[in-house]
Amino acid sequence: MWKIFLVLGTAVAALAAISAYARYLEKVSVFFPEKEVLCTPRDIGLEFRDLVISSVKGEKINAWFIPASQARYTVLLCHGNAGNLSTRLEKIRLLHSLGLSILIFDYQGYGKSTGTPSEAGVYKDVYAAYRYLKEELKVPASEILIYGESLGGAVAVDLAGTAEAAGLILESTFSSATEMARRIYPFVPVFVFSIKFDSLSKIGGIRAPSFLFIAGRMRSSPCQWPGSFMNGRPPQRTLSSFRVRITMHILFPETTILPL
């Protein structure tokens, strides 16, 4: 009998060690915040409003609003897992040159935002930014484009599943963190990872009438799943504007825009 207990104890200890290792991998592999804001839109000739938005549990997130004259749409920009909003100036410049206003924000723990980044936290942060866009900046949902790059794609999908918007744009994102973990750490059981970012299970519920997926090269996460991702989405939801497709191809000439 004692041998059985010994085996069970060893198994439990091994599982605990694997779980602890998985938590360490999550900590060093998912979020790469930079605290220093190196520059602002003013450095590229754009006027902006420097905002502080209340998120959950008293945390404050920093955001920039860059208005465009007579803009038809405002982009709610969810950046990726590294850097902060100041490392997205080139994307801000390009979007603004297309006549779009932009609201870009930093997740908790990034730039001037308080707190520590987490999966639950970034979902709360994007909703806070969306609410600010509607309630404080008075931008109607019908004029909001939710844009997510890389990890920000998972953040954008989560918001688009519950919030009204004119469109959803995903750039070089992934189907789920679990699938990424399976590819990057095949020797670690995926059930021990706590971070999910499961966009694949959410994509069918998006409420935006227009949807654009841009498949580009990514250094940190494999972008090999668009077929399965599209299959998780209702077929009646199609991209409504060919002009948007051409515009985004000009904006990101090295990417492939997938047919919907």
Protein backbone atom coordinates (compact mmCIF):
# COMPACT_ATOMS: atom_id res chain seq x y z
CA MET A 1 0.00 0.00 0.00
CA TRP A 2 2.79 2.41 0.88
CA LYS A 3 4.14 2.03 -2.66
CA ILE A 4 0.83 3.27 -4.07
CA PHE A 5 0.95 6.31 -1.82
CA LEU A 6 4.56 6.89 -2.81
CA VAL A 7 3.66 6.80 -6.51
CA LEU A 8 0.68 9.10 -5.97
CA GLY A 9 2.74 11.52 -3.91
CA THR A 10 5.45 11.59 -6.55
CA ALA A 11 2.86 12.22 -9.27
CA VAL A 12 1.28 15.06 -7.31
CA ALA A 13 4.69 16.62 -6.64
CA ALA A 14 5.61 16.31 -10.33
CA LEU A 15 2.33 17.93 -11.38
CA ALA A 16 2.87 20.76 -8.91
CA ALA A 17 6.37 21.32 -10.29
CA ILE A 18 5.07 21.32 -13.86
CA SER A 19 2.32 23.77 -12.91
CA ALA A 20 4.83 26.08 -11.24
CA TYR A 21 7.02 25.90 -14.35
CA ALA A 22 3.99 26.66 -16.53
CA ARG A 23 3.22 29.75 -14.45
CA TYR A 24 6.82 30.87 -14.86
CA LEU A 25 6.60 30.36 -18.64
CA GLU A 26 3.39 32.39 -18.74
CA LYS A 27 4.99 35.20 -16.77
CA VAL A 28 8.03 35.46 -19.04
CA SER A 29 6.35 34.62 -22.36
CA VAL A 30 3.05 36.50 -22.51
CA PHE A 31 3.42 40.09 -21.29
CA PHE A 32 6.43 42.29 -22.08
CA PRO A 33 5.46 45.77 -20.84
CA GLU A 34 7.73 48.77 -21.15
CA LYS A 35 7.18 51.53 -18.61
CA GLU A 36 8.98 54.39 -20.33
CA VAL A 37 6.89 56.33 -22.83
CA LEU A 38 9.57 57.40 -25.29
CA CYS A 39 7.57 59.72 -27.54
CA THR A 40 4.07 60.98 -28.31
CA PRO A 41 2.00 61.67 -31.43
CA ARG A 42 3.16 65.28 -31.23
CA ASP A 43 6.61 64.03 -32.25
CA ILE A 44 5.16 63.01 -35.63
CA GLY A 45 3.14 66.17 -36.02
CA LEU A 46 -0.19 64.95 -34.66
CA GLU A 47 -2.20 66.66 -31.96
CA PHE A 48 -3.60 64.37 -29.29
CA ARG A 49 -5.28 64.22 -25.92
CA ASP A 50 -3.43 62.43 -23.13
CA LEU A 51 -6.10 60.57 -21.14
CA VAL A 52 -6.39 58.67 -17.89
CA ILE A 53 -9.22 56.11 -17.86
CA SER A 54 -10.52 54.26 -14.82
CA SER A 55 -10.36 50.47 -15.13
CA VAL A 56 -11.14 47.78 -12.54
CA LYS A 57 -10.24 47.91 -8.83
CA GLY A 58 -9.14 51.52 -8.97
CA GLU A 59 -6.47 50.95 -11.62
CA LYS A 60 -5.84 53.78 -14.08
CA ILE A 61 -4.92 53.18 -17.71
CA ASN A 62 -3.21 55.72 -19.93
CA ALA A 63 -4.65 56.40 -23.38
CA TRP A 64 -4.18 58.75 -26.31
CA PHE A 65 -6.96 60.13 -28.47
CA ILE A 66 -5.75 61.35 -31.85
CA PRO A 67 -8.61 63.06 -33.72
CA ALA A 68 -8.83 63.32 -37.50
CA SER A 69 -10.75 66.10 -39.19
CA GLN A 70 -14.22 64.94 -40.28
CA ALA A 71 -13.37 61.31 -39.46
CA ARG A 72 -16.10 58.85 -40.33
CA TYR A 73 -14.68 56.17 -38.04
CA THR A 74 -12.63 56.00 -34.86
CA VAL A 75 -10.23 53.10 -34.36
CA LEU A 76 -10.03 51.56 -30.89
CA LEU A 77 -6.50 50.20 -31.12
CA CYS A 78 -5.52 47.22 -28.93
CA HIS A 79 -1.75 46.78 -29.21
CA GLY A 80 0.26 43.61 -28.81
CA ASN A 81 2.02 42.15 -25.79
CA ALA A 82 5.28 44.12 -25.97
CA GLY A 83 6.23 47.77 -25.61
CA ASN A 84 3.51 50.34 -24.97
CA LEU A 85 1.45 52.85 -26.90
CA SER A 86 4.52 54.95 -27.75
CA THR A 87 5.95 52.08 -29.83
CA ARG A 88 2.92 52.24 -32.18
CA LEU A 89 3.47 55.71 -33.60
CA GLU A 90 4.00 54.49 -37.16
CA LYS A 91 0.70 52.61 -37.10
CA ILE A 92 -0.99 55.67 -35.62
CA ARG A 93 0.45 57.81 -38.41
CA LEU A 94 -0.79 55.44 -41.12
CA LEU A 95 -4.27 55.08 -39.68
CA HIS A 96 -4.55 58.83 -39.22
CA SER A 97 -3.45 59.42 -42.82
CA LEU A 98 -6.51 57.40 -43.90
CA GLY A 99 -8.78 59.92 -42.20
CA LEU A 100 -9.37 57.85 -39.07
CA SER A 101 -9.41 59.05 -35.49
CA ILE A 102 -7.62 56.73 -33.04
CA LEU A 103 -7.98 55.84 -29.39
CA ILE A 104 -5.02 53.73 -28.27
CA PHE A 105 -4.56 52.66 -24.67
CA ASP A 106 -2.03 50.83 -22.54
CA TYR A 107 -3.00 47.76 -20.56
CA GLN A 108 -2.42 47.67 -16.83
CA GLY A 109 1.31 47.63 -16.13
CA TYR A 110 2.25 49.12 -19.52
CA GLY A 111 3.61 52.64 -19.87
CA LYS A 112 1.94 55.01 -17.40
CA SER A 113 -0.90 52.60 -16.61
CA THR A 114 -1.02 51.30 -13.07
CA GLY A 115 -1.41 47.68 -12.00
CA THR A 116 -0.08 44.41 -13.37
CA PRO A 117 -1.10 42.87 -16.72
CA SER A 118 -3.28 39.75 -16.74
CA GLU A 119 -5.75 38.11 -19.07
CA ALA A 120 -8.74 39.20 -17.01
CA GLY A 121 -7.24 42.66 -16.64
CA VAL A 122 -6.73 43.39 -20.35
CA TYR A 123 -10.37 42.43 -21.03
CA LYS A 124 -11.47 44.95 -18.40
CA ASP A 125 -9.09 47.57 -19.78
CA VAL A 126 -10.41 47.41 -23.35
CA TYR A 127 -13.99 47.62 -22.11
CA ALA A 128 -13.08 50.69 -20.05
CA ALA A 129 -11.52 52.29 -23.14
CA TYR A 130 -14.58 51.41 -25.23
CA ARG A 131 -16.91 52.86 -22.62
CA TYR A 132 -14.83 56.05 -22.46
CA LEU A 133 -14.95 56.34 -26.24
CA LYS A 134 -18.74 56.17 -26.20
CA GLU A 135 -19.61 58.04 -23.03
CA GLU A 136 -16.91 60.69 -22.75
CA LEU A 137 -15.82 61.24 -26.35
CA LYS A 138 -19.38 60.72 -27.62
CA VAL A 139 -18.42 58.37 -30.46
CA PRO A 140 -21.40 56.16 -31.42
CA ALA A 141 -20.85 52.41 -31.68
CA SER A 142 -21.70 52.58 -35.39
CA GLU A 143 -18.51 54.61 -35.93
CA ILE A 144 -16.10 52.47 -33.87
CA LEU A 145 -13.64 50.06 -35.51
CA ILE A 146 -12.12 47.62 -33.02
CA TYR A 147 -8.55 46.85 -34.12
CA GLY A 148 -6.34 44.21 -32.47
CA GLU A 149 -2.77 43.29 -33.28
CA SER A 150 -1.13 40.07 -32.05
CA LEU A 151 -2.22 39.57 -28.43
CA GLY A 152 -4.44 42.61 -28.88
CA GLY A 153 -6.41 40.53 -31.38
CA ALA A 154 -7.61 38.30 -28.55
CA VAL A 155 -8.51 41.42 -26.56
CA ALA A 156 -10.42 42.84 -29.54
CA VAL A 157 -12.32 39.59 -30.14
CA ASP A 158 -13.43 39.47 -26.51
CA LEU A 159 -14.78 43.02 -26.70
CA ALA A 160 -16.43 42.46 -30.10
CA GLY A 161 -18.36 39.56 -28.61
CA THR A 162 -20.23 41.83 -26.22
CA ALA A 163 -19.99 45.35 -27.65
CA GLU A 164 -21.54 46.96 -30.72
CA ALA A 165 -19.10 48.27 -33.32
CA ALA A 166 -18.90 49.09 -37.02
CA GLY A 167 -16.16 46.55 -37.64
CA LEU A 168 -13.49 44.25 -36.26
CA ILE A 169 -9.95 44.18 -37.66
CA LEU A 170 -7.47 41.52 -36.56
CA GLU A 171 -3.81 41.68 -37.51
CA SER A 172 -1.43 38.74 -37.09
CA THR A 173 -3.25 37.30 -34.12
CA PHE A 174 -3.74 33.72 -32.90
CA SER A 175 -6.63 31.34 -32.26
CA SER A 176 -5.84 30.70 -28.59
CA ALA A 177 -2.99 30.84 -26.12
CA THR A 178 -3.54 27.14 -25.48
CA GLU A 179 -2.78 26.34 -29.11
CA MET A 180 0.30 28.56 -29.01
CA ALA A 181 1.49 26.80 -25.86
CA ARG A 182 1.00 23.44 -27.52
CA ARG A 183 3.22 24.55 -30.41
CA ILE A 184 5.89 26.38 -28.44
CA TYR A 185 6.06 24.11 -25.35
CA PRO A 186 5.04 20.66 -26.61
CA PHE A 187 6.64 19.03 -23.58
CA VAL A 188 4.30 20.80 -21.11
CA PRO A 189 0.66 19.61 -20.71
CA VAL A 190 -1.55 22.48 -21.86
CA PHE A 191 -4.06 22.00 -19.04
CA VAL A 192 -1.58 23.44 -16.55
CA PHE A 193 -1.58 26.85 -18.25
CA SER A 194 -3.98 29.37 -16.74
CA ILE A 195 -3.94 31.92 -19.60
CA LYS A 196 -6.36 30.96 -22.38
CA PHE A 197 -7.03 33.93 -24.71
CA ASP A 198 -9.45 31.62 -26.49
CA SER A 199 -10.52 33.70 -29.48
CA LEU A 200 -11.58 30.64 -31.46
CA SER A 201 -14.47 29.89 -29.12
CA LYS A 202 -15.59 33.55 -29.13
CA ILE A 203 -15.35 34.50 -32.79
CA GLY A 204 -18.80 33.13 -33.65
CA GLY A 205 -20.38 35.61 -31.27
CA ILE A 206 -18.89 38.83 -32.62
CA ARG A 207 -21.49 41.51 -33.23
CA ALA A 208 -19.62 43.73 -35.68
CA PRO A 209 -21.14 43.58 -39.19
CA SER A 210 -17.73 43.84 -40.91
CA PHE A 211 -14.67 41.71 -40.22
CA LEU A 212 -11.19 41.84 -41.71
CA PHE A 213 -8.36 39.45 -40.93
CA ILE A 214 -4.79 40.35 -41.89
CA ALA A 215 -2.31 37.47 -41.80
CA GLY A 216 1.21 38.79 -41.38
CA ARG A 217 4.57 37.60 -40.15
CA MET A 218 5.01 37.35 -36.40
CA ARG A 219 8.18 36.64 -34.49
CA SER A 220 6.56 35.47 -31.27
CA SER A 221 3.35 33.68 -32.24
CA PRO A 222 2.49 31.40 -35.16
CA CYS A 223 -0.24 32.74 -37.43
CA GLN A 224 -1.23 29.46 -39.12
CA TRP A 225 -4.86 29.03 -38.19
CA PRO A 226 -7.07 31.39 -40.25
CA GLY A 227 -9.09 28.59 -41.84
CA SER A 228 -10.24 27.14 -38.52
CA PHE A 229 -10.74 30.64 -37.13
CA MET A 230 -13.04 31.60 -40.01
CA ASN A 231 -14.92 28.32 -39.67
CA GLY A 232 -15.86 29.36 -36.15
CA ARG A 233 -17.65 32.42 -37.47
CA PRO A 234 -21.21 32.65 -38.87
CA PRO A 235 -21.04 32.58 -42.70
CA GLN A 236 -23.55 35.41 -43.11
CA ARG A 237 -21.15 37.90 -41.55
CA THR A 238 -18.99 39.18 -44.39
CA LEU A 239 -16.75 42.13 -45.03
CA SER A 240 -19.02 44.83 -46.41
CA SER A 241 -16.51 47.20 -47.99
CA PHE A 242 -14.07 46.28 -50.74
CA ARG A 243 -12.53 49.72 -50.24
CA VAL A 244 -11.50 48.74 -46.72
CA ARG A 245 -9.70 45.67 -48.10
CA ILE A 246 -7.71 47.77 -50.55
CA THR A 247 -6.94 50.41 -47.92
CA MET A 248 -5.60 47.84 -45.45
CA HIS A 249 -3.50 46.21 -48.15
CA ILE A 250 -1.86 49.59 -48.81
CA LEU A 251 -1.42 50.09 -45.08
CA PHE A 252 0.27 46.69 -44.62
CA PRO A 253 1.72 45.80 -48.06
CA GLU A 254 3.68 42.80 -46.77
CA THR A 255 0.61 41.04 -45.34
CA THR A 256 -1.90 38.73 -46.92
CA ILE A 257 -5.54 39.74 -46.68
CA LEU A 258 -7.62 36.60 -46.54
CA PRO A 259 -10.87 36.33 -48.52
CA LEU A 260 -13.98 36.17 -46.35
